[in-house]
Amino acid sequence: MQTLAVQVQDDYIQDFMSYVNNHSENITITKDKNLEIDPYFYERREELQQTRDDIKNGNIEMVSHETLWGNIKNHLKTIETK
């Protein structure tokens, strides 16, 4: 069995569901909670995993929370003085 993500136009959903019901012995439909909450869940998860791998491999550097906020505060100071 294969799992697919299917997007159906709103005005076609009834026809689609009729087709599924007529072929229910071969088709199972389940809702993916992750996609209900965030339609880009799986793309974001892949990006996050790639970022984590890049940090572990040394391809990118992760800065500390203190450094990040220090940089933001310094940047805001330069904007305020202009």
N, C-alpha and C. Protein backbone atom coordinates (compact mmCIF):
# COMPACT_ATOMS: atom_id res chain seq x y z
N MET A 1 0.85 -1.18 0.00
CA MET A 1 0.00 0.00 0.00
C MET A 1 0.89 1.24 0.00
N GLN A 2 0.47 2.27 -0.68
CA GLN A 2 1.19 3.54 -0.73
C GLN A 2 0.35 4.62 -0.08
N THR A 3 1.03 5.60 0.50
CA THR A 3 0.36 6.74 1.10
C THR A 3 0.61 7.97 0.24
N LEU A 4 -0.45 8.68 -0.08
CA LEU A 4 -0.35 9.89 -0.90
C LEU A 4 -1.06 11.04 -0.21
N ALA A 5 -0.62 12.24 -0.47
CA ALA A 5 -1.35 13.43 -0.05
C ALA A 5 -2.12 13.92 -1.27
N VAL A 6 -3.41 14.11 -1.11
CA VAL A 6 -4.26 14.52 -2.22
C VAL A 6 -4.94 15.84 -1.87
N GLN A 7 -4.85 16.79 -2.75
CA GLN A 7 -5.58 18.04 -2.59
C GLN A 7 -6.75 18.02 -3.55
N VAL A 8 -7.92 18.33 -3.04
CA VAL A 8 -9.13 18.30 -3.84
C VAL A 8 -9.79 19.67 -3.80
N GLN A 9 -10.16 20.18 -4.96
CA GLN A 9 -10.85 21.46 -5.03
C GLN A 9 -12.16 21.37 -4.24
N ASP A 10 -12.52 22.44 -3.57
CA ASP A 10 -13.73 22.46 -2.74
C ASP A 10 -14.97 22.05 -3.53
N ASP A 11 -15.08 22.53 -4.75
CA ASP A 11 -16.28 22.25 -5.53
C ASP A 11 -16.29 20.84 -6.12
N TYR A 12 -15.22 20.08 -5.95
CA TYR A 12 -15.13 18.72 -6.47
C TYR A 12 -15.16 17.66 -5.36
N ILE A 13 -15.17 18.10 -4.11
CA ILE A 13 -15.02 17.17 -2.99
C ILE A 13 -16.12 16.11 -2.96
N GLN A 14 -17.35 16.49 -3.27
CA GLN A 14 -18.43 15.50 -3.25
C GLN A 14 -18.22 14.41 -4.30
N ASP A 15 -17.82 14.80 -5.50
CA ASP A 15 -17.53 13.81 -6.55
C ASP A 15 -16.36 12.91 -6.15
N PHE A 16 -15.37 13.54 -5.56
CA PHE A 16 -14.21 12.77 -5.13
C PHE A 16 -14.59 11.76 -4.05
N MET A 17 -15.36 12.20 -3.07
CA MET A 17 -15.78 11.31 -1.99
C MET A 17 -16.68 10.19 -2.52
N SER A 18 -17.50 10.48 -3.51
CA SER A 18 -18.32 9.43 -4.14
C SER A 18 -17.43 8.38 -4.79
N TYR A 19 -16.41 8.83 -5.49
CA TYR A 19 -15.47 7.90 -6.11
C TYR A 19 -14.80 7.04 -5.04
N VAL A 20 -14.34 7.67 -3.97
CA VAL A 20 -13.68 6.93 -2.90
C VAL A 20 -14.64 5.91 -2.29
N ASN A 21 -15.86 6.33 -2.03
CA ASN A 21 -16.84 5.41 -1.45
C ASN A 21 -17.13 4.23 -2.38
N ASN A 22 -17.16 4.47 -3.68
CA ASN A 22 -17.40 3.40 -4.64
C ASN A 22 -16.22 2.43 -4.76
N HIS A 23 -15.05 2.87 -4.31
CA HIS A 23 -13.84 2.05 -4.40
C HIS A 23 -13.23 1.83 -3.01
N SER A 24 -14.06 1.83 -2.00
CA SER A 24 -13.57 1.81 -0.62
C SER A 24 -12.78 0.55 -0.26
N GLU A 25 -12.94 -0.52 -1.03
CA GLU A 25 -12.17 -1.72 -0.72
C GLU A 25 -10.69 -1.54 -1.05
N ASN A 26 -10.38 -0.53 -1.86
CA ASN A 26 -8.99 -0.27 -2.25
C ASN A 26 -8.42 1.03 -1.70
N ILE A 27 -9.25 1.85 -1.07
CA ILE A 27 -8.82 3.17 -0.63
C ILE A 27 -9.19 3.37 0.84
N THR A 28 -8.24 3.88 1.61
CA THR A 28 -8.50 4.24 3.00
C THR A 28 -8.13 5.71 3.15
N ILE A 29 -9.03 6.49 3.75
CA ILE A 29 -8.75 7.91 3.96
C ILE A 29 -8.63 8.17 5.45
N THR A 30 -7.54 8.82 5.83
CA THR A 30 -7.35 9.27 7.20
C THR A 30 -6.87 10.71 7.14
N LYS A 31 -7.25 11.48 8.13
CA LYS A 31 -6.80 12.87 8.19
C LYS A 31 -5.47 12.93 8.93
N ASP A 32 -4.57 13.71 8.41
CA ASP A 32 -3.26 13.90 9.02
C ASP A 32 -3.34 15.13 9.92
N LYS A 33 -3.29 14.92 11.24
CA LYS A 33 -3.40 16.03 12.19
C LYS A 33 -2.32 17.09 11.95
N ASN A 34 -1.11 16.64 11.61
CA ASN A 34 -0.02 17.58 11.36
C ASN A 34 -0.37 18.54 10.23
N LEU A 35 -0.98 18.02 9.17
CA LEU A 35 -1.32 18.87 8.03
C LEU A 35 -2.54 19.73 8.31
N GLU A 36 -3.41 19.30 9.20
CA GLU A 36 -4.54 20.14 9.59
C GLU A 36 -4.05 21.38 10.33
N ILE A 37 -3.05 21.20 11.17
CA ILE A 37 -2.51 22.32 11.96
C ILE A 37 -1.62 23.21 11.10
N ASP A 38 -0.77 22.57 10.28
CA ASP A 38 0.20 23.30 9.47
C ASP A 38 0.32 22.61 8.11
N PRO A 39 -0.23 23.22 7.05
CA PRO A 39 -0.18 22.57 5.73
C PRO A 39 1.24 22.32 5.21
N TYR A 40 2.23 22.98 5.78
CA TYR A 40 3.62 22.82 5.35
C TYR A 40 4.45 22.07 6.40
N PHE A 41 3.78 21.29 7.26
CA PHE A 41 4.45 20.61 8.35
C PHE A 41 5.66 19.80 7.89
N TYR A 42 5.47 18.96 6.89
CA TYR A 42 6.54 18.06 6.47
C TYR A 42 7.69 18.79 5.79
N GLU A 43 7.40 19.86 5.04
CA GLU A 43 8.46 20.66 4.45
C GLU A 43 9.27 21.35 5.55
N ARG A 44 8.57 21.90 6.55
CA ARG A 44 9.27 22.57 7.65
C ARG A 44 10.12 21.58 8.44
N ARG A 45 9.59 20.38 8.64
CA ARG A 45 10.34 19.36 9.38
C ARG A 45 11.63 19.00 8.64
N GLU A 46 11.55 18.86 7.33
CA GLU A 46 12.75 18.56 6.53
C GLU A 46 13.78 19.69 6.64
N GLU A 47 13.30 20.94 6.56
CA GLU A 47 14.21 22.09 6.67
C GLU A 47 14.88 22.12 8.03
N LEU A 48 14.11 21.87 9.09
CA LEU A 48 14.67 21.86 10.44
C LEU A 48 15.71 20.76 10.58
N GLN A 49 15.40 19.57 10.07
CA GLN A 49 16.36 18.47 10.14
C GLN A 49 17.63 18.81 9.38
N GLN A 50 17.48 19.45 8.21
CA GLN A 50 18.67 19.84 7.43
C GLN A 50 19.50 20.87 8.19
N THR A 51 18.83 21.82 8.84
CA THR A 51 19.54 22.82 9.64
C THR A 51 20.30 22.15 10.78
N ARG A 52 19.65 21.22 11.47
CA ARG A 52 20.31 20.50 12.56
C ARG A 52 21.51 19.72 12.05
N ASP A 53 21.36 19.07 10.91
CA ASP A 53 22.48 18.32 10.32
C ASP A 53 23.62 19.26 9.96
N ASP A 54 23.30 20.42 9.39
CA ASP A 54 24.33 21.40 9.03
C ASP A 54 25.07 21.90 10.27
N ILE A 55 24.38 22.09 11.37
CA ILE A 55 25.03 22.52 12.61
C ILE A 55 25.96 21.42 13.10
N LYS A 56 25.46 20.18 13.13
CA LYS A 56 26.28 19.06 13.60
C LYS A 56 27.52 18.86 12.74
N ASN A 57 27.38 19.05 11.42
CA ASN A 57 28.49 18.84 10.50
C ASN A 57 29.44 20.03 10.43
N GLY A 58 29.07 21.14 11.07
CA GLY A 58 29.91 22.32 11.05
C GLY A 58 29.73 23.18 9.81
N ASN A 59 28.71 22.91 9.01
CA ASN A 59 28.47 23.71 7.81
C ASN A 59 27.92 25.09 8.15
N ILE A 60 27.18 25.18 9.24
CA ILE A 60 26.72 26.48 9.73
C ILE A 60 26.96 26.53 11.24
N GLU A 61 27.06 27.73 11.77
CA GLU A 61 27.35 27.90 13.19
C GLU A 61 26.10 28.36 13.92
N MET A 62 25.83 27.74 15.04
CA MET A 62 24.72 28.17 15.87
C MET A 62 25.27 29.13 16.92
N VAL A 63 24.67 30.31 17.01
CA VAL A 63 25.12 31.29 17.99
C VAL A 63 24.27 31.17 19.24
N SER A 64 24.84 31.58 20.35
CA SER A 64 24.12 31.49 21.62
C SER A 64 22.99 32.51 21.68
N HIS A 65 22.07 32.26 22.56
CA HIS A 65 20.94 33.17 22.78
C HIS A 65 21.45 34.56 23.17
N GLU A 66 22.42 34.59 24.05
CA GLU A 66 22.98 35.87 24.50
C GLU A 66 23.62 36.64 23.35
N THR A 67 24.35 35.93 22.51
CA THR A 67 25.01 36.58 21.37
C THR A 67 23.97 37.13 20.40
N LEU A 68 22.97 36.35 20.12
CA LEU A 68 21.92 36.79 19.20
C LEU A 68 21.26 38.06 19.70
N TRP A 69 20.81 38.05 20.96
CA TRP A 69 20.13 39.24 21.50
C TRP A 69 21.08 40.41 21.67
N GLY A 70 22.35 40.13 21.93
CA GLY A 70 23.34 41.21 21.97
C GLY A 70 23.46 41.87 20.61
N ASN A 71 23.49 41.07 19.56
CA ASN A 71 23.57 41.62 18.20
C ASN A 71 22.33 42.43 17.85
N ILE A 72 21.17 41.95 18.24
CA ILE A 72 19.92 42.68 17.98
C ILE A 72 19.93 44.01 18.71
N LYS A 73 20.31 44.00 19.98
CA LYS A 73 20.35 45.25 20.77
C LYS A 73 21.33 46.24 20.17
N ASN A 74 22.49 45.76 19.75
CA ASN A 74 23.47 46.66 19.13
C ASN A 74 22.93 47.24 17.83
N HIS A 75 22.25 46.41 17.06
CA HIS A 75 21.67 46.89 15.80
C HIS A 75 20.60 47.96 16.08
N LEU A 76 19.76 47.71 17.08
CA LEU A 76 18.73 48.69 17.41
C LEU A 76 19.33 50.01 17.89
N LYS A 77 20.44 49.94 18.61
CA LYS A 77 21.11 51.15 19.05
C LYS A 77 21.62 51.98 17.85
N THR A 78 22.13 51.30 16.84
CA THR A 78 22.63 52.03 15.67
C THR A 78 21.48 52.67 14.91
N ILE A 79 20.32 52.03 14.91
CA ILE A 79 19.15 52.61 14.24
C ILE A 79 18.63 53.80 15.01
N GLU A 80 18.61 53.70 16.33
CA GLU A 80 18.08 54.78 17.16
C GLU A 80 18.92 56.04 17.10
N THR A 81 20.22 55.89 16.87
CA THR A 81 21.10 57.06 16.84
C THR A 81 21.10 57.78 15.51
N LYS A 82 20.44 57.21 14.52
CA LYS A 82 20.42 57.85 13.20
C LYS A 82 19.32 58.87 13.12
